[in-house]
Amino acid sequence: MVRHGNTGKNHSSSLNLAPNGLDEAAFEQAMLERWPRLAPTGIALRLGITALLFFSTWRAIQYRGATALSLLLPMVAELMVAILAGVLLAIFVVRDMDFRRQVWSGLRPWALVVVGVLIWQAWQGHHSGDGFAARMDLAWNQIYGFAVSSGLRWSMLIAALGFGGGVLNDIAAYRRNGPPFVYLGSLNFGLRALLMLMFGFWLASIAFAFDFSRRQNADAMWIALLLAELLALWLPAAVQSKMRAARENQRGPGKVPPSVVRSE
């Protein structure tokens, strides 16, 4: 986004929402252009999936004794789908080189994690005499058994399918508008993870101060996850609205928007 004269200075004084260390113009461009506003159907879909997901996790707490940590399993399922979908998009769908570079650079740390786990399982199989395949089978059964026993198997499926539906919307927007490709599901997941870290700090502090029971910890985590989900849906729209209002005030009445001038 290009600014001329002292407009940037005036704009900065009226609205300064950029995080520390990030140029305000870059932050504004990312929010206004690379984080598009959801259509009403998209908002309805997000709210419907959220309601279904949190109803299923609430039932898991009530009837299966799901713990606070186990409530993070749906986000783990989303993360796995996000990584897999990002790789498939970069290979088969998106021709945006910037997006491809972001995918491959973001994939490196997860690839190191996977390699580390495989090496650890191979060493465990060699040390115990069971073999690598038996250790991997045991690990999978333990993970799957934990998801089933905590009652969160269907919650993970709902979260994964919801993320997949969002990816289809991102592909449709990319084919309609062209590059750059906006991986909105990944952006939203990152924002929710950041909000969860913030809530998690306060949650741990409160739980330690009041000596919460296992059930109370699960209830508090459920509330924190729900708040993060709703804030992640509301926050980008609220920031965009403030930025657009600031730009309108800066432009003043009777001035032609830059987009109109460029189109002429």
Protein backbone atom coordinates (compact mmCIF):
# COMPACT_ATOMS: atom_id res chain seq x y z
CA MET A 1 0.00 0.00 0.00
CA VAL A 2 1.51 3.32 -1.10
CA ARG A 3 1.19 6.51 0.90
CA HIS A 4 2.06 9.99 -0.31
CA GLY A 5 3.01 13.14 1.54
CA ASN A 6 2.14 13.14 5.22
CA THR A 7 -0.94 10.94 4.88
CA GLY A 8 0.76 7.98 6.51
CA LYS A 9 1.63 10.10 9.50
CA ASN A 10 -1.93 11.30 9.95
CA HIS A 11 -3.24 7.78 9.47
CA SER A 12 -0.84 6.40 12.01
CA SER A 13 -1.99 8.88 14.60
CA SER A 14 -5.64 7.98 14.04
CA LEU A 15 -5.20 4.22 14.10
CA ASN A 16 -2.21 2.24 15.26
CA LEU A 17 -3.12 -1.44 15.60
CA ALA A 18 0.05 -3.00 14.25
CA PRO A 19 1.89 -5.36 16.62
CA ASN A 20 5.31 -4.33 17.86
CA GLY A 21 8.00 -4.89 15.26
CA LEU A 22 5.57 -4.92 12.31
CA ASP A 23 5.32 -1.97 9.94
CA GLU A 24 1.87 -0.41 10.17
CA ALA A 25 1.42 -0.24 6.40
CA ALA A 26 2.29 -3.95 6.04
CA PHE A 27 -0.09 -4.84 8.85
CA GLU A 28 -2.90 -2.84 7.26
CA GLN A 29 -2.31 -4.40 3.86
CA ALA A 30 -2.33 -7.89 5.34
CA MET A 31 -5.58 -7.27 7.18
CA LEU A 32 -7.39 -5.56 4.30
CA GLU A 33 -6.15 -7.64 1.38
CA ARG A 34 -4.82 -11.00 2.56
CA TRP A 35 -7.52 -11.58 5.19
CA PRO A 36 -10.75 -11.18 3.21
CA ARG A 37 -14.08 -10.63 4.85
CA LEU A 38 -16.22 -13.74 5.21
CA ALA A 39 -19.46 -13.85 3.30
CA PRO A 40 -22.67 -14.40 5.33
CA THR A 41 -22.74 -18.03 4.20
CA GLY A 42 -19.16 -18.46 5.38
CA ILE A 43 -19.99 -16.96 8.77
CA ALA A 44 -23.06 -19.20 9.10
CA LEU A 45 -20.96 -22.25 8.20
CA ARG A 46 -18.28 -21.34 10.76
CA LEU A 47 -20.87 -20.78 13.48
CA GLY A 48 -22.66 -24.03 12.67
CA ILE A 49 -19.46 -26.07 12.77
CA THR A 50 -18.41 -24.32 15.98
CA ALA A 51 -21.74 -25.11 17.65
CA LEU A 52 -21.57 -28.76 16.58
CA LEU A 53 -17.93 -29.10 17.65
CA PHE A 54 -18.38 -27.57 21.09
CA PHE A 55 -21.56 -29.52 21.72
CA SER A 56 -19.63 -32.73 21.05
CA THR A 57 -16.74 -31.70 23.31
CA TRP A 58 -19.20 -30.69 26.05
CA ARG A 59 -20.77 -34.16 25.86
CA ALA A 60 -17.29 -35.68 26.07
CA ILE A 61 -16.70 -33.79 29.32
CA GLN A 62 -20.11 -34.67 30.74
CA TYR A 63 -20.31 -38.35 29.84
CA ARG A 64 -16.78 -39.56 29.03
CA GLY A 65 -14.71 -37.60 31.53
CA ALA A 66 -12.60 -35.81 28.92
CA THR A 67 -9.67 -33.94 30.49
CA ALA A 68 -8.47 -30.41 29.80
CA LEU A 69 -5.54 -31.59 27.69
CA SER A 70 -7.64 -34.06 25.71
CA LEU A 71 -9.86 -31.15 24.59
CA LEU A 72 -6.94 -30.01 22.43
CA LEU A 73 -7.27 -33.11 20.23
CA PRO A 74 -9.67 -31.41 17.74
CA MET A 75 -7.07 -28.67 17.21
CA VAL A 76 -4.44 -31.36 16.64
CA ALA A 77 -6.69 -32.88 13.98
CA GLU A 78 -7.08 -29.46 12.36
CA LEU A 79 -3.31 -28.95 12.38
CA MET A 80 -2.73 -32.26 10.63
CA VAL A 81 -5.33 -31.44 7.97
CA ALA A 82 -3.85 -27.93 7.56
CA ILE A 83 -0.36 -29.31 6.92
CA LEU A 84 -1.57 -32.00 4.52
CA ALA A 85 -3.90 -29.61 2.67
CA GLY A 86 -1.16 -26.99 2.40
CA VAL A 87 1.21 -29.47 0.78
CA LEU A 88 -1.45 -30.73 -1.65
CA LEU A 89 -2.47 -27.18 -2.54
CA ALA A 90 1.13 -26.16 -3.21
CA ILE A 91 1.69 -29.18 -5.47
CA PHE A 92 -1.56 -29.49 -7.39
CA VAL A 93 -3.69 -26.34 -7.12
CA VAL A 94 -1.96 -23.06 -6.32
CA ARG A 95 0.47 -21.50 -8.81
CA ASP A 96 1.44 -18.72 -6.41
CA MET A 97 5.19 -19.04 -5.78
CA ASP A 98 5.01 -17.00 -2.56
CA PHE A 99 2.48 -19.44 -1.14
CA ARG A 100 4.61 -22.41 -2.17
CA ARG A 101 7.68 -20.95 -0.48
CA GLN A 102 5.66 -20.33 2.69
CA VAL A 103 4.39 -23.92 2.68
CA TRP A 104 7.82 -25.49 2.23
CA SER A 105 9.44 -23.24 4.83
CA GLY A 106 6.64 -23.94 7.31
CA LEU A 107 6.87 -27.67 6.65
CA ARG A 108 10.51 -27.99 7.71
CA PRO A 109 10.02 -27.88 11.52
CA TRP A 110 7.16 -30.40 11.33
CA ALA A 111 9.27 -32.66 9.12
CA LEU A 112 11.99 -32.55 11.79
CA VAL A 113 9.42 -33.50 14.43
CA VAL A 114 8.22 -36.47 12.35
CA VAL A 115 11.78 -37.64 11.70
CA GLY A 116 12.58 -37.32 15.41
CA VAL A 117 9.52 -39.42 16.34
CA LEU A 118 10.41 -42.09 13.78
CA ILE A 119 13.99 -42.28 15.04
CA TRP A 120 12.75 -42.55 18.62
CA GLN A 121 10.31 -45.34 17.72
CA ALA A 122 13.02 -47.16 15.78
CA TRP A 123 15.37 -46.96 18.77
CA GLN A 124 12.61 -48.15 21.13
CA GLY A 125 11.81 -51.06 18.81
CA HIS A 126 15.46 -52.06 18.60
CA HIS A 127 15.97 -51.72 22.35
CA SER A 128 12.87 -53.76 23.27
CA GLY A 129 13.27 -56.28 20.47
CA ASP A 130 9.75 -55.66 19.17
CA GLY A 131 10.84 -54.01 15.95
CA PHE A 132 9.97 -50.68 14.35
CA ALA A 133 6.63 -51.76 12.83
CA ALA A 134 5.36 -53.15 16.14
CA ARG A 135 6.30 -49.95 17.97
CA MET A 136 4.51 -47.79 15.39
CA ASP A 137 1.43 -49.99 15.60
CA LEU A 138 1.47 -49.75 19.39
CA ALA A 139 1.81 -45.96 19.27
CA TRP A 140 -1.09 -45.64 16.84
CA ASN A 141 -3.32 -47.88 18.97
CA GLN A 142 -2.50 -45.83 22.07
CA ILE A 143 -3.32 -42.54 20.34
CA TYR A 144 -6.52 -43.88 18.80
CA GLY A 145 -7.54 -45.53 22.07
CA PHE A 146 -7.02 -42.26 23.93
CA ALA A 147 -9.23 -40.38 21.42
CA VAL A 148 -11.96 -43.02 21.74
CA SER A 149 -11.83 -43.32 25.53
CA SER A 150 -11.99 -39.54 25.97
CA GLY A 151 -15.04 -39.35 23.69
CA LEU A 152 -13.37 -36.93 21.28
CA ARG A 153 -13.12 -39.11 18.17
CA TRP A 154 -16.14 -37.46 16.56
CA SER A 155 -15.03 -34.01 17.68
CA MET A 156 -11.74 -34.52 15.86
CA LEU A 157 -13.63 -35.62 12.74
CA ILE A 158 -15.92 -32.56 12.90
CA ALA A 159 -12.92 -30.22 13.30
CA ALA A 160 -11.07 -31.87 10.40
CA LEU A 161 -14.11 -31.75 8.09
CA GLY A 162 -14.79 -28.14 9.05
CA PHE A 163 -11.24 -27.17 8.16
CA GLY A 164 -11.51 -29.09 4.89
CA GLY A 165 -14.67 -27.19 4.00
CA GLY A 166 -12.85 -23.93 4.61
CA VAL A 167 -10.05 -25.04 2.28
CA LEU A 168 -12.61 -25.61 -0.49
CA ASN A 169 -13.85 -22.04 0.01
CA ASP A 170 -10.26 -20.76 -0.19
CA ILE A 171 -9.75 -22.63 -3.47
CA ALA A 172 -12.98 -21.22 -4.89
CA ALA A 173 -11.92 -17.67 -3.94
CA TYR A 174 -8.49 -18.21 -5.50
CA ARG A 175 -9.99 -19.41 -8.79
CA ARG A 176 -12.44 -16.52 -8.77
CA ASN A 177 -10.03 -13.72 -7.84
CA GLY A 178 -6.64 -15.08 -8.88
CA PRO A 179 -3.39 -14.80 -6.88
CA PRO A 180 -2.29 -14.29 -4.23
CA PHE A 181 -3.76 -17.41 -2.63
CA VAL A 182 -5.13 -16.67 0.84
CA TYR A 183 -5.02 -19.74 3.10
CA LEU A 184 -7.72 -18.36 5.38
CA GLY A 185 -8.07 -21.59 7.38
CA SER A 186 -4.38 -21.51 8.28
CA LEU A 187 -4.56 -17.84 9.26
CA ASN A 188 -7.58 -18.50 11.45
CA PHE A 189 -5.94 -21.52 13.07
CA GLY A 190 -2.84 -19.47 13.88
CA LEU A 191 -4.95 -16.72 15.44
CA ARG A 192 -6.87 -19.23 17.56
CA ALA A 193 -3.63 -20.86 18.68
CA LEU A 194 -2.27 -17.45 19.70
CA LEU A 195 -5.44 -16.63 21.62
CA MET A 196 -5.32 -20.04 23.29
CA LEU A 197 -1.78 -19.37 24.49
CA MET A 198 -3.00 -16.12 26.03
CA PHE A 199 -6.02 -17.76 27.64
CA GLY A 200 -3.95 -20.77 28.65
CA PHE A 201 -1.62 -18.62 30.76
CA TRP A 202 -4.53 -17.13 32.70
CA LEU A 203 -6.28 -20.49 32.89
CA ALA A 204 -3.22 -22.17 34.41
CA SER A 205 -2.82 -19.30 36.88
CA ILE A 206 -6.46 -19.48 38.00
CA ALA A 207 -6.45 -23.28 38.20
CA PHE A 208 -3.29 -23.20 40.35
CA ALA A 209 -4.63 -20.44 42.60
CA PHE A 210 -8.01 -22.11 43.26
CA ASP A 211 -6.82 -25.74 43.12
CA PHE A 212 -9.29 -26.77 40.43
CA SER A 213 -10.48 -30.35 40.21
CA ARG A 214 -10.03 -32.40 37.04
CA ARG A 215 -13.61 -31.65 35.96
CA GLN A 216 -13.23 -27.93 36.68
CA ASN A 217 -10.02 -27.82 34.62
CA ALA A 218 -11.87 -29.41 31.69
CA ASP A 219 -14.75 -26.94 32.00
CA ALA A 220 -12.34 -24.00 32.11
CA MET A 221 -10.46 -25.27 29.06
CA TRP A 222 -13.75 -25.69 27.19
CA ILE A 223 -14.68 -22.08 27.91
CA ALA A 224 -11.22 -20.85 26.89
CA LEU A 225 -11.40 -22.76 23.59
CA LEU A 226 -14.86 -21.37 22.87
CA LEU A 227 -13.76 -17.81 23.60
CA ALA A 228 -10.71 -18.22 21.34
CA GLU A 229 -12.93 -19.55 18.53
CA LEU A 230 -15.43 -16.69 18.77
CA LEU A 231 -12.72 -14.03 19.11
CA ALA A 232 -10.89 -15.43 16.08
CA LEU A 233 -14.10 -15.02 14.09
CA TRP A 234 -14.84 -11.50 15.36
CA LEU A 235 -11.40 -9.91 15.70
CA PRO A 236 -10.33 -9.69 12.01
CA ALA A 237 -13.71 -8.21 11.03
CA ALA A 238 -13.50 -5.66 13.85
CA VAL A 239 -9.95 -4.61 12.94
CA GLN A 240 -10.85 -4.37 9.25
CA SER A 241 -13.87 -2.22 10.08
CA LYS A 242 -11.73 0.19 12.09
CA MET A 243 -9.15 0.41 9.32
CA ARG A 244 -11.73 1.05 6.62
CA ALA A 245 -13.38 3.74 8.75
CA ALA A 246 -9.97 5.38 9.32
CA ARG A 247 -9.24 5.35 5.59
CA GLU A 248 -12.62 6.91 4.83
CA ASN A 249 -12.03 9.66 7.39
CA GLN A 250 -8.55 10.25 6.01
CA ARG A 251 -9.82 10.46 2.45
CA GLY A 252 -12.56 12.90 3.40
CA PRO A 253 -15.88 13.59 1.67
CA GLY A 254 -15.89 14.08 -2.08
CA LYS A 255 -12.49 12.47 -2.69
CA VAL A 256 -12.23 9.70 -5.24
CA PRO A 257 -10.96 6.40 -3.84
CA PRO A 258 -7.55 5.30 -5.17
CA SER A 259 -9.07 2.14 -6.65
CA VAL A 260 -11.39 4.27 -8.83
CA VAL A 261 -8.50 6.44 -9.98
CA ARG A 262 -6.45 3.38 -10.95
CA SER A 263 -9.36 1.82 -12.83
CA GLU A 264 -9.76 4.96 -14.94
